[in-house]
Protein backbone atom coordinates (compact mmCIF):
# COMPACT_ATOMS: atom_id res chain seq x y z
CA MET A 1 -4.38 0.44 -24.37
CA ASP A 2 -3.87 2.07 -27.93
CA PHE A 3 0.05 1.75 -27.78
CA PHE A 4 1.51 0.94 -30.93
CA LEU A 5 5.49 1.27 -30.90
CA LEU A 6 7.07 -2.29 -32.03
CA GLY A 7 8.45 -1.53 -35.29
CA LEU A 8 9.42 2.50 -34.37
CA PRO A 9 13.22 3.15 -34.52
CA ARG A 10 15.31 2.73 -30.92
CA TRP A 11 11.58 2.72 -28.84
CA GLU A 12 12.49 0.56 -26.19
CA GLU A 13 15.78 2.23 -25.79
CA HIS A 14 13.43 5.30 -25.48
CA ILE A 15 11.27 4.46 -23.21
CA ARG A 16 14.15 2.87 -20.93
CA ASP A 17 15.69 6.85 -21.28
CA LEU A 18 12.43 8.09 -20.17
CA LEU A 19 11.59 5.52 -17.15
CA ASN A 20 15.19 6.04 -15.72
CA PHE A 21 14.72 9.64 -15.80
CA PHE A 22 11.65 9.64 -13.61
CA ARG A 23 12.80 6.94 -10.79
CA LEU A 24 13.38 9.45 -8.84
CA THR A 25 10.27 10.58 -8.65
CA ILE A 26 9.02 7.16 -7.55
CA LYS A 27 11.97 6.23 -4.86
CA ARG A 28 11.36 10.17 -3.10
CA PRO A 29 8.25 11.21 -4.36
CA SER A 30 8.52 14.64 -1.66
CA THR A 31 10.98 15.44 -4.53
CA PRO A 32 10.27 18.05 -7.03
CA THR A 33 8.74 16.19 -10.31
CA GLU A 34 10.86 16.27 -13.68
CA ARG A 35 9.64 17.63 -16.87
CA VAL A 36 10.25 16.13 -20.40
CA LEU A 37 9.42 17.44 -23.59
CA ILE A 38 9.30 15.22 -26.37
CA ALA A 39 9.64 16.40 -29.86
CA GLY A 40 9.64 14.91 -33.21
CA SER A 41 8.06 14.78 -36.54
CA SER A 42 4.01 13.30 -36.72
CA GLY A 43 3.81 9.75 -36.39
CA THR A 44 7.30 9.07 -34.65
CA GLY A 45 5.33 7.60 -31.46
CA LYS A 46 5.93 10.62 -29.29
CA THR A 47 2.22 9.91 -27.69
CA ALA A 48 2.61 6.54 -27.47
CA SER A 49 5.66 6.43 -25.74
CA ALA A 50 4.42 8.79 -23.38
CA LYS A 51 1.42 6.92 -22.12
CA VAL A 52 3.62 4.05 -22.09
CA VAL A 53 6.02 5.49 -19.78
CA GLY A 54 3.49 7.10 -17.71
CA PHE A 55 1.39 4.37 -17.02
CA SER A 56 4.58 2.10 -16.99
CA LEU A 57 5.57 4.40 -13.60
CA GLU A 58 2.20 4.64 -12.07
CA LYS A 59 2.11 0.66 -11.92
CA ALA A 60 5.59 0.99 -10.22
CA ALA A 61 4.24 3.37 -7.90
CA ARG A 62 1.10 0.98 -6.97
CA ARG A 63 3.72 -1.88 -6.24
CA GLN A 64 5.21 0.72 -3.70
CA GLY A 65 2.14 2.04 -2.02
CA LEU A 66 1.98 4.79 -3.70
CA ASN A 67 -1.06 6.89 -5.46
CA LEU A 68 -0.02 8.06 -8.33
CA VAL A 69 -2.19 8.95 -11.44
CA TYR A 70 -0.99 9.49 -14.81
CA ALA A 71 -2.86 11.90 -16.63
CA HIS A 72 -2.41 12.27 -20.53
CA VAL A 73 -3.38 16.13 -21.88
CA ASN A 74 -3.18 16.48 -25.16
CA CYS A 75 -2.28 20.64 -25.42
CA ARG A 76 -3.76 21.02 -29.27
CA THR A 77 -7.03 19.91 -28.20
CA THR A 78 -6.90 21.27 -24.66
CA THR A 79 -6.19 25.01 -24.99
CA ALA A 80 -7.84 26.99 -21.88
CA LYS A 81 -6.09 26.78 -18.56
CA PHE A 82 -9.35 26.01 -17.12
CA GLY A 83 -9.48 22.93 -19.65
CA LEU A 84 -6.03 21.39 -18.79
CA VAL A 85 -6.95 21.70 -14.68
CA HIS A 86 -10.68 19.88 -15.31
CA SER A 87 -8.62 17.59 -17.86
CA THR A 88 -6.08 16.77 -15.69
CA ILE A 89 -8.80 16.26 -12.34
CA ARG A 90 -11.29 14.30 -14.52
CA GLN A 91 -8.61 11.86 -15.00
CA ALA A 92 -7.46 11.46 -11.42
CA THR A 93 -10.91 11.71 -10.04
CA PRO A 94 -13.19 10.18 -12.55
CA PRO A 95 -16.58 11.07 -10.60
CA LEU A 96 -16.01 14.38 -9.96
CA PRO A 97 -18.97 16.00 -11.83
CA LEU A 98 -17.98 18.36 -14.98
CA ARG A 99 -19.05 21.86 -13.66
CA GLU A 100 -17.40 24.67 -12.40
CA TYR A 101 -16.75 24.99 -8.01
CA ASP A 102 -16.35 27.61 -6.01
CA LYS A 103 -13.25 27.55 -3.52
CA LEU A 104 -15.63 26.25 -0.37
CA ASN A 105 -17.47 23.62 -2.43
CA PHE A 106 -14.36 22.49 -4.17
CA CYS A 107 -12.35 21.91 -0.54
CA MET A 108 -15.32 19.90 0.55
CA LEU A 109 -15.65 17.85 -2.31
CA SER A 110 -11.60 17.10 -2.29
CA GLY A 111 -12.01 16.48 1.17
CA ILE A 112 -9.84 19.80 2.19
CA THR A 113 -10.62 21.25 5.23
């Protein structure tokens, strides 16, 4: 992992707050997910914090037998709707080929009947 949070002000507190905020997602997976906007100046650890929280939640879910996948999408470099969906799917299911599918082919590949 490419995280470097040591030395950033109050990073442990922020990580703990975010993990507590998303705890319900792991306890009750059928509840609607929460959304968070992490804002701050450049270099304050926003991306690193999001990744630490995402991978920590993924690990906690796995311990409880849940298949939660953390997918990090940089909206500054991935702007079109297809690109956002594609990036998320690629992270959740790495072997998916890089091409567009019609509804029937996508359902067949996904195991949806």
